[in-house]
N, C-alpha and C. Protein backbone atom coordinates (compact mmCIF):
# COMPACT_ATOMS: atom_id res chain seq x y z
N MET A 1 0.78 -1.25 0.15
CA MET A 1 -0.07 0.09 0.15
C MET A 1 0.93 1.34 0.41
N HIS A 2 0.69 2.05 -0.82
CA HIS A 2 1.09 2.96 -0.56
C HIS A 2 0.99 4.13 -0.11
N ASP A 3 1.73 5.22 0.41
CA ASP A 3 1.64 6.01 1.71
C ASP A 3 1.45 7.79 0.52
N VAL A 4 0.18 8.16 -0.04
CA VAL A 4 -0.26 9.27 -0.15
C VAL A 4 -0.34 9.68 0.43
N SER A 5 0.62 11.57 -0.30
CA SER A 5 0.03 12.22 0.94
C SER A 5 -0.20 13.71 -0.40
N THR A 6 -0.68 14.60 -0.12
CA THR A 6 -1.99 15.46 -0.58
C THR A 6 -1.19 16.53 -0.39
N GLN A 7 -0.50 17.50 -1.45
CA GLN A 7 -0.12 18.57 -1.39
C GLN A 7 -0.68 19.84 -1.23
N VAL A 8 -1.17 20.79 -0.08
CA VAL A 8 -2.45 21.47 0.04
C VAL A 8 -1.60 22.76 -0.50
N GLU A 9 -2.32 23.60 -1.46
CA GLU A 9 -2.25 24.30 -2.58
C GLU A 9 -2.60 25.59 -1.06
N HIS A 10 -1.66 26.67 -0.78
CA HIS A 10 -2.20 27.57 -0.51
C HIS A 10 -1.98 29.06 -1.32
N LEU A 11 -2.66 29.88 -0.92
CA LEU A 11 -2.91 31.23 -1.25
C LEU A 11 -1.91 32.39 -0.32
N HIS A 12 -1.33 32.85 -0.68
CA HIS A 12 -0.36 33.92 -0.50
C HIS A 12 -0.16 35.03 -0.94
N TYR A 13 -1.05 36.25 -0.34
CA TYR A 13 -1.17 37.69 -1.30
C TYR A 13 0.35 37.98 -1.73
N ARG A 14 1.13 37.76 -1.17
CA ARG A 14 2.61 38.21 -1.49
C ARG A 14 3.04 37.39 -2.88
N ASP A 15 2.47 36.55 -3.33
CA ASP A 15 2.75 35.71 -4.24
C ASP A 15 2.48 35.93 -5.81
N PHE A 16 0.71 36.53 -5.35
CA PHE A 16 0.31 37.47 -6.61
C PHE A 16 0.83 38.47 -7.30
N SER A 17 0.84 38.36 -8.39
CA SER A 17 1.00 39.74 -9.40
C SER A 17 0.67 40.89 -9.14
N LYS A 18 1.02 42.21 -9.73
CA LYS A 18 0.66 43.23 -9.38
C LYS A 18 -0.95 42.88 -10.01
N ASN A 19 -1.22 42.65 -11.12
CA ASN A 19 -2.15 42.63 -11.75
C ASN A 19 -3.49 41.51 -11.15
N GLN A 20 -2.89 40.65 -10.04
CA GLN A 20 -3.78 39.77 -9.58
C GLN A 20 -4.15 40.68 -8.29
N LYS A 21 -3.24 41.50 -7.19
CA LYS A 21 -3.86 42.49 -6.47
C LYS A 21 -4.69 43.05 -6.87
N LEU A 22 -4.26 43.64 -8.05
CA LEU A 22 -5.54 44.97 -8.87
C LEU A 22 -6.78 44.58 -8.84
N THR A 23 -7.04 43.22 -9.03
CA THR A 23 -7.88 42.14 -9.50
C THR A 23 -8.64 42.42 -8.69
N LEU A 24 -8.33 41.42 -7.14
CA LEU A 24 -9.03 41.26 -6.44
C LEU A 24 -9.43 42.37 -5.54
N TRP A 25 -8.29 43.53 -5.42
CA TRP A 25 -8.83 44.90 -4.62
C TRP A 25 -10.24 45.58 -5.46
N SER A 26 -10.39 45.58 -6.49
CA SER A 26 -10.99 46.46 -7.50
C SER A 26 -12.59 45.52 -7.64
N SER A 27 -12.05 44.31 -7.15
CA SER A 27 -14.03 43.08 -7.68
C SER A 27 -14.19 43.68 -5.98
N THR A 28 -12.85 43.26 -5.10
CA THR A 28 -13.67 43.79 -3.63
C THR A 28 -14.34 45.06 -3.70
N ALA A 29 -13.99 46.35 -4.28
CA ALA A 29 -14.27 47.72 -3.77
C ALA A 29 -15.56 47.39 -4.84
N GLY A 30 -15.94 47.22 -6.01
CA GLY A 30 -17.12 46.91 -6.85
C GLY A 30 -17.99 46.35 -5.52
N PHE A 31 -17.85 44.98 -5.80
CA PHE A 31 -18.83 44.44 -4.77
C PHE A 31 -19.64 44.77 -3.39
N GLY A 32 -18.62 45.96 -3.01
CA GLY A 32 -18.99 46.48 -1.73
C GLY A 32 -19.79 48.12 -2.24
N LEU A 33 -19.43 48.26 -3.44
CA LEU A 33 -20.05 49.60 -4.08
C LEU A 33 -21.84 48.81 -4.27
N GLU A 34 -21.73 47.53 -4.93
CA GLU A 34 -22.85 47.45 -5.43
C GLU A 34 -24.10 46.90 -3.68
N GLN A 35 -23.40 46.67 -2.94
CA GLN A 35 -24.11 45.98 -2.55
C GLN A 35 -24.45 47.22 -1.47
N MET A 36 -23.96 48.31 -1.17
CA MET A 36 -24.32 49.46 -0.27
C MET A 36 -25.40 50.23 -1.36
N ASP A 37 -24.68 50.63 -2.26
CA ASP A 37 -25.66 51.06 -3.25
C ASP A 37 -27.17 50.64 -2.99
N LEU A 38 -27.55 49.19 -3.02
CA LEU A 38 -28.33 48.31 -2.54
C LEU A 38 -29.43 48.90 -1.06
N LEU A 39 -28.33 49.16 -0.61
CA LEU A 39 -28.98 49.17 0.53
C LEU A 39 -29.14 50.96 1.21
N LEU A 40 -28.22 51.00 0.50
CA LEU A 40 -28.75 52.81 0.92
C LEU A 40 -30.55 53.54 0.48
N ILE A 41 -30.83 53.03 -0.77
CA ILE A 41 -32.09 53.07 -1.54
C ILE A 41 -32.59 52.78 0.37
N SER A 42 -32.55 51.38 0.29
CA SER A 42 -33.18 50.87 1.67
C SER A 42 -33.22 51.71 3.21
N PHE A 43 -32.63 52.33 3.25
CA PHE A 43 -32.68 53.06 4.53
C PHE A 43 -33.33 54.41 3.86
N ALA A 44 -32.98 54.71 2.62
CA ALA A 44 -33.59 56.16 2.59
C ALA A 44 -35.03 56.03 1.82
N MET A 45 -35.62 54.75 2.14
CA MET A 45 -36.50 54.57 1.71
C MET A 45 -38.16 55.68 2.38
N ALA A 46 -38.18 55.31 3.23
CA ALA A 46 -39.03 56.28 4.63
C ALA A 46 -39.26 57.70 3.89
N SER A 47 -37.98 57.76 4.18
CA SER A 47 -37.77 59.43 4.29
C SER A 47 -38.04 59.50 2.39
N ILE A 48 -37.82 58.98 1.33
CA ILE A 48 -37.70 59.16 -0.02
C ILE A 48 -39.48 59.62 -0.14
N ILE A 49 -40.26 58.57 0.63
CA ILE A 49 -41.49 58.29 0.52
C ILE A 49 -42.49 59.47 0.94
N LYS A 50 -41.84 59.90 1.87
CA LYS A 50 -42.12 61.00 2.95
C LYS A 50 -42.51 62.26 2.10
N THR A 51 -40.82 62.09 1.09
CA THR A 51 -40.60 63.75 0.50
C THR A 51 -41.38 63.79 -0.78
N PHE A 52 -41.99 62.57 -1.33
CA PHE A 52 -42.30 62.66 -2.33
C PHE A 52 -44.00 62.59 -2.02
N GLY A 53 -44.23 62.19 -1.33
CA GLY A 53 -46.33 61.64 -0.80
C GLY A 53 -46.63 60.90 -1.42
N ILE A 54 -45.50 59.79 -1.91
CA ILE A 54 -45.99 58.25 -2.86
C ILE A 54 -46.49 57.26 -1.25
N SER A 55 -47.54 56.15 -1.89
CA SER A 55 -47.49 54.88 -1.11
C SER A 55 -46.23 53.77 -1.13
N ASN A 56 -46.34 53.09 -0.26
CA ASN A 56 -45.48 52.09 -0.25
C ASN A 56 -45.17 51.47 -1.43
N PHE A 57 -46.26 51.02 -2.49
CA PHE A 57 -46.14 50.47 -3.67
C PHE A 57 -45.55 51.04 -4.09
N GLN A 58 -45.67 52.71 -4.76
CA GLN A 58 -44.57 53.31 -5.12
C GLN A 58 -43.46 53.01 -4.94
N GLY A 59 -43.36 53.31 -3.57
CA GLY A 59 -41.71 52.96 -2.55
C GLY A 59 -41.34 51.80 -3.35
N GLY A 60 -41.64 50.79 -3.72
CA GLY A 60 -41.26 49.59 -3.84
C GLY A 60 -41.41 49.88 -4.66
N LEU A 61 -41.95 49.88 -6.14
CA LEU A 61 -41.57 49.90 -7.28
C LEU A 61 -39.69 50.32 -7.64
N ILE A 62 -39.39 50.92 -6.55
CA ILE A 62 -37.48 51.93 -6.99
C ILE A 62 -37.21 50.13 -6.62
N ALA A 63 -37.22 49.53 -6.31
CA ALA A 63 -36.47 47.92 -6.37
C ALA A 63 -37.36 47.01 -7.69
N THR A 64 -38.34 46.98 -8.12
CA THR A 64 -38.55 46.74 -8.94
C THR A 64 -38.01 47.32 -10.57
N PHE A 65 -37.59 48.58 -10.60
CA PHE A 65 -36.78 49.51 -11.97
C PHE A 65 -35.47 48.28 -11.43
N THR A 66 -34.78 48.59 -10.42
CA THR A 66 -33.62 47.96 -10.50
C THR A 66 -33.21 46.91 -10.37
N THR A 67 -34.73 45.98 -10.05
CA THR A 67 -34.41 44.26 -10.85
C THR A 67 -34.34 44.62 -12.01
N PHE A 68 -34.74 44.79 -12.95
CA PHE A 68 -35.64 44.76 -14.38
C PHE A 68 -33.92 45.80 -15.06
N GLY A 69 -33.10 46.59 -14.45
CA GLY A 69 -31.75 47.43 -14.69
C GLY A 69 -31.27 46.06 -14.89
N THR A 70 -30.96 45.42 -13.29
CA THR A 70 -30.30 44.17 -12.75
C THR A 70 -30.21 42.96 -14.47
N LEU A 71 -31.47 42.74 -14.58
CA LEU A 71 -31.56 42.00 -15.21
C LEU A 71 -31.14 42.41 -16.78
N LEU A 72 -31.00 43.88 -17.73
CA LEU A 72 -30.67 43.70 -18.06
C LEU A 72 -29.14 43.92 -19.04
N GLY A 73 -28.82 44.40 -17.86
CA GLY A 73 -27.30 44.54 -17.49
C GLY A 73 -26.45 43.50 -17.69
N GLY A 74 -27.14 42.42 -16.52
CA GLY A 74 -26.03 41.47 -17.12
C GLY A 74 -25.77 40.55 -17.90
N LEU A 75 -27.17 40.53 -19.14
CA LEU A 75 -27.27 40.08 -20.00
C LEU A 75 -26.48 41.12 -21.34
N VAL A 76 -26.50 42.38 -21.34
CA VAL A 76 -26.10 43.00 -22.17
C VAL A 76 -24.79 42.97 -21.95
N PHE A 77 -24.30 43.54 -20.77
CA PHE A 77 -22.87 43.75 -20.71
C PHE A 77 -22.43 42.46 -20.77
N GLY A 78 -23.08 41.50 -20.50
CA GLY A 78 -21.41 40.24 -20.77
C GLY A 78 -21.63 39.53 -21.44
N MET A 79 -22.62 40.19 -22.34
CA MET A 79 -21.69 40.03 -24.16
C MET A 79 -20.94 41.14 -24.35
N LEU A 80 -20.96 42.00 -24.08
CA LEU A 80 -20.03 43.08 -24.38
C LEU A 80 -18.47 42.73 -23.70
N ALA A 81 -18.73 42.44 -22.81
CA ALA A 81 -17.41 41.85 -21.96
C ALA A 81 -16.19 41.00 -22.50
N ASP A 82 -17.18 40.15 -23.59
CA ASP A 82 -16.64 38.95 -24.04
C ASP A 82 -15.93 39.85 -25.50
N ARG A 83 -16.92 41.01 -25.95
CA ARG A 83 -16.10 41.65 -27.41
C ARG A 83 -15.17 42.75 -26.60
N ILE A 84 -15.09 43.02 -26.10
CA ILE A 84 -14.05 44.72 -25.75
C ILE A 84 -13.32 44.16 -24.76
N GLY A 85 -13.47 43.53 -23.47
CA GLY A 85 -12.72 43.07 -22.76
C GLY A 85 -13.46 43.20 -21.22
N ARG A 86 -13.02 42.70 -20.38
CA ARG A 86 -14.17 42.75 -18.64
C ARG A 86 -13.10 43.63 -18.22
N VAL A 87 -12.05 44.22 -18.36
CA VAL A 87 -11.74 45.30 -17.29
C VAL A 87 -12.45 46.46 -17.80
N ARG A 88 -12.46 46.77 -19.30
CA ARG A 88 -12.92 47.76 -19.23
C ARG A 88 -14.23 48.09 -19.02
N VAL A 89 -15.21 46.87 -19.33
CA VAL A 89 -16.84 46.84 -19.12
C VAL A 89 -16.62 47.22 -17.42
N PHE A 90 -15.76 46.22 -16.87
CA PHE A 90 -16.14 46.68 -15.02
C PHE A 90 -15.78 48.31 -14.51
N THR A 91 -14.45 48.52 -15.32
CA THR A 91 -14.39 49.82 -14.64
C THR A 91 -15.37 50.89 -15.34
N TRP A 92 -16.28 50.72 -16.50
CA TRP A 92 -17.50 51.22 -16.81
C TRP A 92 -18.49 51.04 -15.97
N THR A 93 -18.84 50.03 -16.15
CA THR A 93 -20.03 49.62 -14.87
C THR A 93 -19.91 50.27 -13.65
N VAL A 94 -18.92 50.62 -12.89
CA VAL A 94 -18.74 50.87 -11.32
C VAL A 94 -19.23 52.53 -11.95
N VAL A 95 -18.89 53.07 -12.95
CA VAL A 95 -18.71 54.84 -13.17
C VAL A 95 -20.15 54.67 -13.23
N ILE A 96 -21.05 53.43 -13.57
CA ILE A 96 -22.61 53.84 -14.16
C ILE A 96 -23.29 53.43 -12.92
N VAL A 97 -23.20 52.94 -11.83
CA VAL A 97 -23.28 52.63 -10.62
C VAL A 97 -22.85 54.04 -9.88
N ALA A 98 -22.44 54.20 -10.04
CA ALA A 98 -21.48 55.68 -9.10
C ALA A 98 -22.48 56.96 -9.77
N PHE A 99 -22.40 56.80 -10.90
CA PHE A 99 -23.11 57.89 -11.36
C PHE A 99 -24.68 58.19 -11.28
N ALA A 100 -25.55 56.89 -11.22
CA ALA A 100 -26.83 56.81 -10.84
C ALA A 100 -27.61 57.16 -9.35
N THR A 101 -25.92 56.64 -8.80
CA THR A 101 -26.30 56.63 -7.50
C THR A 101 -26.12 58.30 -6.90
N GLY A 102 -25.04 58.64 -7.14
CA GLY A 102 -24.74 60.08 -7.16
C GLY A 102 -25.97 60.90 -7.52
N ALA A 103 -26.29 60.41 -8.67
CA ALA A 103 -27.42 61.91 -9.09
C ALA A 103 -28.75 61.56 -9.18
N ILE A 104 -28.83 61.04 -7.56
CA ILE A 104 -29.97 60.55 -6.94
C ILE A 104 -30.20 62.31 -6.16
N TYR A 105 -28.78 62.39 -5.58
CA TYR A 105 -28.60 63.46 -4.77
C TYR A 105 -29.52 64.73 -5.28
N PHE A 106 -29.99 64.74 -7.00
CA PHE A 106 -30.65 66.06 -7.57
C PHE A 106 -31.96 65.85 -7.62
N ALA A 107 -32.08 64.08 -7.60
CA ALA A 107 -33.46 63.88 -7.74
C ALA A 107 -34.87 64.82 -7.29
N HIS A 108 -35.84 65.15 -8.18
CA HIS A 108 -36.40 66.01 -7.45
C HIS A 108 -38.54 65.38 -7.59
N ASN A 109 -38.42 64.20 -8.17
CA ASN A 109 -39.52 63.49 -8.66
C ASN A 109 -39.05 62.13 -8.28
N ILE A 110 -40.51 61.20 -8.12
CA ILE A 110 -40.15 59.56 -8.31
C ILE A 110 -39.70 58.80 -9.26
N TRP A 111 -40.42 59.40 -10.29
CA TRP A 111 -39.99 59.25 -11.80
C TRP A 111 -38.14 59.18 -12.45
N LEU A 112 -37.51 60.79 -11.87
CA LEU A 112 -36.29 60.82 -11.88
C LEU A 112 -35.79 59.27 -10.98
N ILE A 113 -36.34 59.19 -9.69
CA ILE A 113 -35.31 57.91 -9.15
C ILE A 113 -35.37 56.55 -9.57
N TYR A 114 -36.71 56.52 -10.21
CA TYR A 114 -37.38 55.01 -11.11
C TYR A 114 -35.74 54.97 -12.37
N ILE A 115 -36.01 55.74 -12.93
CA ILE A 115 -34.86 55.95 -14.15
C ILE A 115 -33.16 55.95 -13.35
N LEU A 116 -33.02 56.34 -12.27
CA LEU A 116 -31.48 56.55 -11.98
C LEU A 116 -31.73 54.81 -11.40
N ARG A 117 -32.53 54.17 -10.53
CA ARG A 117 -32.35 53.33 -10.04
C ARG A 117 -32.15 52.06 -10.71
N PHE A 118 -32.74 52.05 -12.07
CA PHE A 118 -33.09 51.49 -13.06
C PHE A 118 -31.77 51.19 -14.37
N ILE A 119 -31.14 52.67 -13.78
CA ILE A 119 -29.39 52.51 -14.74
C ILE A 119 -28.61 52.14 -13.67
N ALA A 120 -28.85 52.07 -11.74
CA ALA A 120 -27.71 51.66 -11.30
C ALA A 120 -27.52 50.60 -11.55
N GLY A 121 -28.94 49.81 -11.52
CA GLY A 121 -29.11 48.17 -11.98
C GLY A 121 -28.80 47.74 -12.67
N VAL A 122 -28.37 48.44 -14.22
CA VAL A 122 -27.92 47.86 -15.30
C VAL A 122 -26.44 48.24 -15.25
N GLY A 123 -25.66 48.84 -13.92
CA GLY A 123 -24.40 48.94 -13.79
C GLY A 123 -24.16 47.61 -12.80
N THR A 124 -25.09 47.14 -11.98
CA THR A 124 -24.80 46.73 -10.99
C THR A 124 -25.12 44.93 -11.25
N GLY A 125 -25.80 44.56 -12.78
CA GLY A 125 -26.12 43.10 -13.27
C GLY A 125 -24.78 43.20 -13.80
N ALA A 126 -24.30 44.17 -14.41
CA ALA A 126 -22.93 43.67 -15.28
C ALA A 126 -21.62 43.75 -14.43
N GLU A 127 -21.82 44.34 -13.37
CA GLU A 127 -20.64 44.81 -12.65
C GLU A 127 -19.78 43.22 -11.91
N TYR A 128 -21.04 42.40 -11.50
CA TYR A 128 -21.33 41.35 -10.86
C TYR A 128 -20.62 39.92 -11.48
N GLY A 129 -20.98 39.82 -12.57
CA GLY A 129 -20.90 39.08 -13.47
C GLY A 129 -19.19 39.70 -14.37
N ALA A 130 -18.86 40.37 -14.16
CA ALA A 130 -17.66 40.92 -15.32
C ALA A 130 -16.26 40.61 -13.80
N GLY A 131 -16.76 40.84 -12.00
CA GLY A 131 -15.40 40.77 -11.32
C GLY A 131 -15.32 39.61 -11.31
N ILE A 132 -16.54 38.31 -11.05
CA ILE A 132 -16.19 37.45 -10.72
C ILE A 132 -15.34 36.66 -12.08
N THR A 133 -15.54 37.51 -13.25
CA THR A 133 -14.66 36.49 -14.67
C THR A 133 -13.49 37.08 -14.47
N LEU A 134 -13.02 37.89 -14.37
CA LEU A 134 -11.99 38.70 -13.80
C LEU A 134 -10.96 37.95 -12.98
N ILE A 135 -11.74 37.61 -12.08
CA ILE A 135 -11.26 36.80 -10.58
C ILE A 135 -10.59 35.42 -11.56
N ALA A 136 -11.22 34.70 -12.17
CA ALA A 136 -11.35 33.62 -12.64
C ALA A 136 -10.16 33.43 -13.75
N GLU A 137 -10.20 34.06 -14.37
CA GLU A 137 -9.15 34.24 -15.49
C GLU A 137 -8.02 34.92 -15.06
N ASN A 138 -8.18 35.41 -13.96
CA ASN A 138 -6.56 36.03 -13.71
C ASN A 138 -5.74 35.19 -12.51
N PHE A 139 -6.75 33.99 -11.92
CA PHE A 139 -6.15 33.11 -11.48
C PHE A 139 -6.60 31.75 -11.25
N ALA A 140 -6.14 31.45 -12.75
CA ALA A 140 -6.68 29.93 -12.96
C ALA A 140 -5.73 29.57 -12.66
N GLY A 141 -6.70 28.39 -12.26
CA GLY A 141 -5.62 26.68 -11.55
C GLY A 141 -5.22 27.06 -10.18
N LYS A 142 -5.66 28.40 -9.39
CA LYS A 142 -5.80 28.44 -7.98
C LYS A 142 -7.57 28.36 -7.57
N LYS A 143 -7.29 28.59 -6.30
CA LYS A 143 -8.89 28.34 -5.62
C LYS A 143 -9.66 29.78 -5.96
N ILE A 144 -10.72 29.27 -7.16
CA ILE A 144 -10.91 30.14 -7.22
C ILE A 144 -12.63 30.75 -6.28
N GLY A 145 -13.12 29.57 -5.75
CA GLY A 145 -14.12 29.44 -4.67
C GLY A 145 -13.36 30.46 -3.28
N LYS A 146 -12.65 29.82 -3.02
CA LYS A 146 -11.92 30.71 -2.30
C LYS A 146 -11.84 32.59 -1.91
N LEU A 147 -11.29 32.65 -3.67
CA LEU A 147 -11.03 34.13 -3.78
C LEU A 147 -12.38 35.05 -4.40
N THR A 148 -13.26 34.06 -5.02
CA THR A 148 -14.45 35.36 -4.34
C THR A 148 -15.18 34.86 -3.41
N SER A 149 -15.01 34.27 -2.27
CA SER A 149 -15.75 34.45 -1.24
C SER A 149 -14.52 35.61 -0.45
N LEU A 150 -13.55 35.62 -0.60
CA LEU A 150 -12.72 36.85 -0.23
C LEU A 150 -13.16 38.57 -0.64
N THR A 151 -13.43 38.35 -1.95
CA THR A 151 -14.41 39.54 -2.70
C THR A 151 -15.16 39.96 -2.22
N GLN A 152 -15.98 38.89 -1.93
CA GLN A 152 -17.65 38.63 -1.35
C GLN A 152 -17.46 39.55 -0.29
N ILE A 153 -16.58 39.52 0.68
CA ILE A 153 -16.50 40.60 2.05
C ILE A 153 -16.66 41.60 1.44
N GLY A 154 -16.09 42.16 0.58
CA GLY A 154 -16.09 43.56 0.20
C GLY A 154 -18.19 44.33 0.07
N GLY A 155 -18.12 43.45 -0.44
CA GLY A 155 -20.44 43.13 -0.44
C GLY A 155 -20.70 43.52 1.35
N GLN A 156 -20.58 42.78 2.08
CA GLN A 156 -20.65 42.98 3.69
C GLN A 156 -20.09 44.34 4.20
N MET A 157 -18.91 44.89 3.55
CA MET A 157 -18.49 45.77 4.30
C MET A 157 -19.22 47.17 3.80
N GLY A 158 -19.88 46.56 2.10
CA GLY A 158 -20.71 47.95 1.95
C GLY A 158 -21.99 47.55 2.43
N VAL A 159 -22.28 47.28 2.93
CA VAL A 159 -23.23 46.61 3.93
C VAL A 159 -23.16 47.28 5.39
N ILE A 160 -22.06 47.32 5.74
CA ILE A 160 -22.07 48.12 7.47
C ILE A 160 -21.70 49.58 6.86
N ILE A 161 -21.16 49.65 5.86
CA ILE A 161 -21.04 51.43 5.30
C ILE A 161 -22.25 52.46 5.17
N ALA A 162 -22.96 51.09 4.44
CA ALA A 162 -24.00 52.03 4.27
C ALA A 162 -25.10 52.18 5.40
N ALA A 163 -24.70 51.34 6.33
CA ALA A 163 -25.65 51.62 7.64
C ALA A 163 -25.30 52.52 8.56
N LEU A 164 -23.99 52.68 8.70
CA LEU A 164 -23.40 53.85 9.03
C LEU A 164 -23.87 55.03 8.61
N ALA A 165 -22.95 55.10 7.14
CA ALA A 165 -22.97 56.32 6.72
C ALA A 165 -25.08 56.87 6.91
N SER A 166 -25.52 55.91 6.84
CA SER A 166 -27.57 56.34 6.60
C SER A 166 -27.58 57.15 8.22
N ALA A 167 -27.26 56.40 8.96
CA ALA A 167 -26.81 56.84 10.79
C ALA A 167 -27.16 58.28 10.94
N VAL A 168 -26.16 58.51 10.10
CA VAL A 168 -25.29 59.85 10.66
C VAL A 168 -25.29 60.88 9.29
N ILE A 169 -25.47 60.61 7.89
CA ILE A 169 -26.40 61.71 7.15
C ILE A 169 -27.63 61.77 7.19
N ILE A 170 -28.31 60.99 6.93
CA ILE A 170 -30.05 61.67 6.98
C ILE A 170 -30.54 61.90 8.02
N PRO A 171 -30.42 61.82 9.35
CA PRO A 171 -30.79 62.78 10.45
C PRO A 171 -30.12 64.48 10.43
N ASN A 172 -28.70 64.51 9.74
CA ASN A 172 -27.70 65.60 9.44
C ASN A 172 -28.04 66.38 8.48
N PHE A 173 -28.08 65.51 7.52
CA PHE A 173 -27.88 66.69 5.75
C PHE A 173 -29.29 65.41 5.12
N GLY A 174 -29.88 65.13 5.22
CA GLY A 174 -31.18 64.68 4.63
C GLY A 174 -30.63 63.45 3.67
N TRP A 175 -32.07 62.79 3.21
CA TRP A 175 -31.83 61.49 2.45
C TRP A 175 -31.08 62.09 1.07
N ASN A 176 -31.16 62.60 0.61
CA ASN A 176 -30.61 63.45 -0.71
C ASN A 176 -29.31 63.01 -0.90
N ALA A 177 -28.34 63.71 0.18
CA ALA A 177 -27.37 64.05 0.90
C ALA A 177 -26.49 61.92 0.96
N LEU A 178 -27.23 61.36 1.41
CA LEU A 178 -26.66 60.30 1.31
C LEU A 178 -26.21 59.12 0.33
N PHE A 179 -26.78 59.72 -1.02
CA PHE A 179 -26.53 59.34 -1.88
C PHE A 179 -25.13 59.71 -2.44
N LEU A 180 -25.10 60.93 -2.50
CA LEU A 180 -23.54 60.98 -2.71
C LEU A 180 -22.08 60.56 -2.21
N PHE A 181 -22.43 59.85 -1.18
CA PHE A 181 -21.42 59.11 -0.20
C PHE A 181 -21.64 58.12 -1.16
N GLY A 182 -22.39 57.56 -2.16
CA GLY A 182 -22.06 56.37 -3.06
C GLY A 182 -21.03 56.44 -4.19
N LEU A 183 -20.28 58.06 -3.89
CA LEU A 183 -19.16 57.68 -5.26
C LEU A 183 -17.99 57.78 -4.76
N PHE A 184 -17.94 57.57 -3.53
CA PHE A 184 -16.77 57.33 -2.86
C PHE A 184 -15.70 55.67 -3.37
N PRO A 185 -16.85 54.80 -3.22
CA PRO A 185 -16.33 53.67 -3.30
C PRO A 185 -16.11 53.59 -4.63
N ALA A 186 -17.04 53.90 -5.21
CA ALA A 186 -16.62 54.12 -7.12
C ALA A 186 -15.16 54.61 -7.54
N PHE A 187 -14.88 55.61 -6.29
CA PHE A 187 -13.31 55.99 -6.93
C PHE A 187 -12.46 55.31 -6.43
N LEU A 188 -12.85 54.54 -5.47
CA LEU A 188 -11.58 53.37 -4.85
C LEU A 188 -12.10 52.13 -6.25
N ALA A 189 -12.96 51.70 -6.88
CA ALA A 189 -12.67 50.60 -7.40
C ALA A 189 -12.25 51.26 -9.33
N PHE A 190 -12.13 52.35 -9.10
CA PHE A 190 -11.76 52.78 -9.99
C PHE A 190 -10.71 53.11 -10.71
N VAL A 191 -10.05 53.37 -9.18
CA VAL A 191 -8.85 53.85 -9.05
C VAL A 191 -7.46 52.50 -9.31
N LEU A 192 -8.43 51.68 -8.36
CA LEU A 192 -7.73 49.88 -8.28
C LEU A 192 -8.33 49.07 -9.55
N ARG A 193 -8.63 49.92 -10.49
CA ARG A 193 -8.73 48.96 -11.27
C ARG A 193 -7.34 48.24 -11.81
N PRO A 194 -7.55 46.71 -12.52
CA PRO A 194 -6.39 46.06 -13.06
C PRO A 194 -5.89 46.41 -14.29
């Protein structure tokens, strides 16, 4: 009987190339932006309903428009990423999400919020697929599951940041100002792109 020893592949950050490190950091920041963006609207929902004097149903339609945008963004930008490159698509999706989120600061009616949330949804739908694919391509042969799980921590950080920002910004500066905060992680994801 042969003694079979298995060698466990360890992932060491210091062994990653510069491009691999940038891929991890930009994907993590991008997923953080995506989750933060979704939570900002949730935390501001009661204030939005009150400001525009709309029903809970009309407020809930914000999520519906976002979801339709996510579906469209995933389909369209997924195909586009195969043609023009994932890094380029990932970069532009981060810009789309940041623009649509920050522009809510200037929203003066619910229809503008619907439109901006649809646009943000397009960006987040595309961002997720591009980010996961970038990780898979840049770390071929490595433990992709572990790496994608690590980048998903960015999403959880986005949730925490959204909660803290909402608690401070909404009571002091209003719900509109909260959405300007959505520009900060987008700046990080853009700067850290591979």
